[in-house]
Amino acid sequence: MNTKEMRAKSPEDLNKELLELRKAQFSLRMQVATQQLTKTTELGRVKREIAQIKTILTEKARAA
């Protein structure tokens, strides 16, 4: 997801997306632990998106 698209979403939508990404991150961590993960870059991508969403949520909270 693009940063511009994230900024256009409401905080409720961002929280839903954050929950989905955290579930995906957990799944990826389990795949790493069992050595089943083939795309290791997915873990970094999900981690980066989580950080972006958290940053945007903080910015929106301060603006309100």
C-alpha atoms as a PDB file:
ATOM      1  CA  MET A   1       0.000   0.000   0.000  1.00  0.00           C
ATOM      2  CA  ASN A   2       1.198   3.464  -0.876  1.00  0.00           C
ATOM      3  CA  THR A   3       1.789   6.076   1.843  1.00  0.00           C
ATOM      4  CA  LYS A   4      -0.613   8.483   0.134  1.00  0.00           C
ATOM      5  CA  GLU A   5      -3.313   5.812   0.226  1.00  0.00           C
ATOM      6  CA  MET A   6      -2.640   5.216   3.919  1.00  0.00           C
ATOM      7  CA  ARG A   7      -2.962   8.914   4.737  1.00  0.00           C
ATOM      8  CA  ALA A   8      -6.316   9.070   2.928  1.00  0.00           C
ATOM      9  CA  LYS A   9      -7.820   6.335   5.117  1.00  0.00           C
ATOM     10  CA  SER A  10      -9.640   6.927   8.375  1.00  0.00           C
ATOM     11  CA  PRO A  11      -8.077   5.877  11.691  1.00  0.00           C
ATOM     12  CA  GLU A  12     -10.592   3.018  11.987  1.00  0.00           C
ATOM     13  CA  ASP A  13      -9.547   1.627   8.600  1.00  0.00           C
ATOM     14  CA  LEU A  14      -5.890   1.995   9.524  1.00  0.00           C
ATOM     15  CA  ASN A  15      -6.455   0.098  12.764  1.00  0.00           C
ATOM     16  CA  LYS A  16      -8.117  -2.738  10.822  1.00  0.00           C
ATOM     17  CA  GLU A  17      -5.197  -2.819   8.395  1.00  0.00           C
ATOM     18  CA  LEU A  18      -2.764  -2.793  11.336  1.00  0.00           C
ATOM     19  CA  LEU A  19      -4.513  -5.805  12.871  1.00  0.00           C
ATOM     20  CA  GLU A  20      -4.335  -7.708   9.579  1.00  0.00           C
ATOM     21  CA  LEU A  21      -0.642  -6.892   9.191  1.00  0.00           C
ATOM     22  CA  ARG A  22       0.125  -8.035  12.721  1.00  0.00           C
ATOM     23  CA  LYS A  23      -1.600 -11.355  12.022  1.00  0.00           C
ATOM     24  CA  ALA A  24       0.437 -11.674   8.828  1.00  0.00           C
ATOM     25  CA  GLN A  25       3.613 -10.838  10.741  1.00  0.00           C
ATOM     26  CA  PHE A  26       2.855 -13.547  13.293  1.00  0.00           C
ATOM     27  CA  SER A  27       2.252 -16.056  10.525  1.00  0.00           C
ATOM     28  CA  LEU A  28       5.524 -15.115   8.841  1.00  0.00           C
ATOM     29  CA  ARG A  29       7.421 -15.423  12.119  1.00  0.00           C
ATOM     30  CA  MET A  30       6.019 -18.925  12.576  1.00  0.00           C
ATOM     31  CA  GLN A  31       7.110 -19.813   9.060  1.00  0.00           C
ATOM     32  CA  VAL A  32      10.618 -18.572   9.841  1.00  0.00           C
ATOM     33  CA  ALA A  33      10.691 -20.643  13.028  1.00  0.00           C
ATOM     34  CA  THR A  34       9.676 -23.796  11.148  1.00  0.00           C
ATOM     35  CA  GLN A  35      11.961 -22.949   8.198  1.00  0.00           C
ATOM     36  CA  GLN A  36       9.059 -22.858   5.742  1.00  0.00           C
ATOM     37  CA  LEU A  37       9.409 -19.220   4.643  1.00  0.00           C
ATOM     38  CA  THR A  38      10.698 -18.877   1.095  1.00  0.00           C
ATOM     39  CA  LYS A  39      10.234 -15.123   0.586  1.00  0.00           C
ATOM     40  CA  THR A  40      12.262 -13.624   3.407  1.00  0.00           C
ATOM     41  CA  THR A  41      11.641 -10.103   2.131  1.00  0.00           C
ATOM     42  CA  GLU A  42       7.957 -10.392   3.084  1.00  0.00           C
ATOM     43  CA  LEU A  43       8.825 -10.168   6.758  1.00  0.00           C
ATOM     44  CA  GLY A  44      10.633  -6.855   6.252  1.00  0.00           C
ATOM     45  CA  ARG A  45       7.864  -5.482   4.053  1.00  0.00           C
ATOM     46  CA  VAL A  46       5.173  -6.269   6.637  1.00  0.00           C
ATOM     47  CA  LYS A  47       7.301  -4.788   9.419  1.00  0.00           C
ATOM     48  CA  ARG A  48       7.812  -1.601   7.404  1.00  0.00           C
ATOM     49  CA  GLU A  49       4.088  -1.244   6.659  1.00  0.00           C
ATOM     50  CA  ILE A  50       3.248  -1.690  10.342  1.00  0.00           C
ATOM     51  CA  ALA A  51       5.682   1.103  11.225  1.00  0.00           C
ATOM     52  CA  GLN A  52       4.218   3.381   8.534  1.00  0.00           C
ATOM     53  CA  ILE A  53       0.664   2.836   9.750  1.00  0.00           C
ATOM     54  CA  LYS A  54       1.647   3.461  13.368  1.00  0.00           C
ATOM     55  CA  THR A  55       3.398   6.684  12.347  1.00  0.00           C
ATOM     56  CA  ILE A  56       0.363   7.895  10.393  1.00  0.00           C
ATOM     57  CA  LEU A  57      -1.972   7.054  13.281  1.00  0.00           C
ATOM     58  CA  THR A  58       0.247   9.052  15.647  1.00  0.00           C
ATOM     59  CA  GLU A  59       0.287  12.014  13.252  1.00  0.00           C
ATOM     60  CA  LYS A  60      -3.513  11.948  12.988  1.00  0.00           C
ATOM     61  CA  ALA A  61      -3.898  11.727  16.754  1.00  0.00           C
ATOM     62  CA  ARG A  62      -1.660  14.760  17.286  1.00  0.00           C
ATOM     63  CA  ALA A  63      -3.507  16.754  14.623  1.00  0.00           C
ATOM     64  CA  ALA A  64      -6.863  16.129  16.293  1.00  0.00           C
END
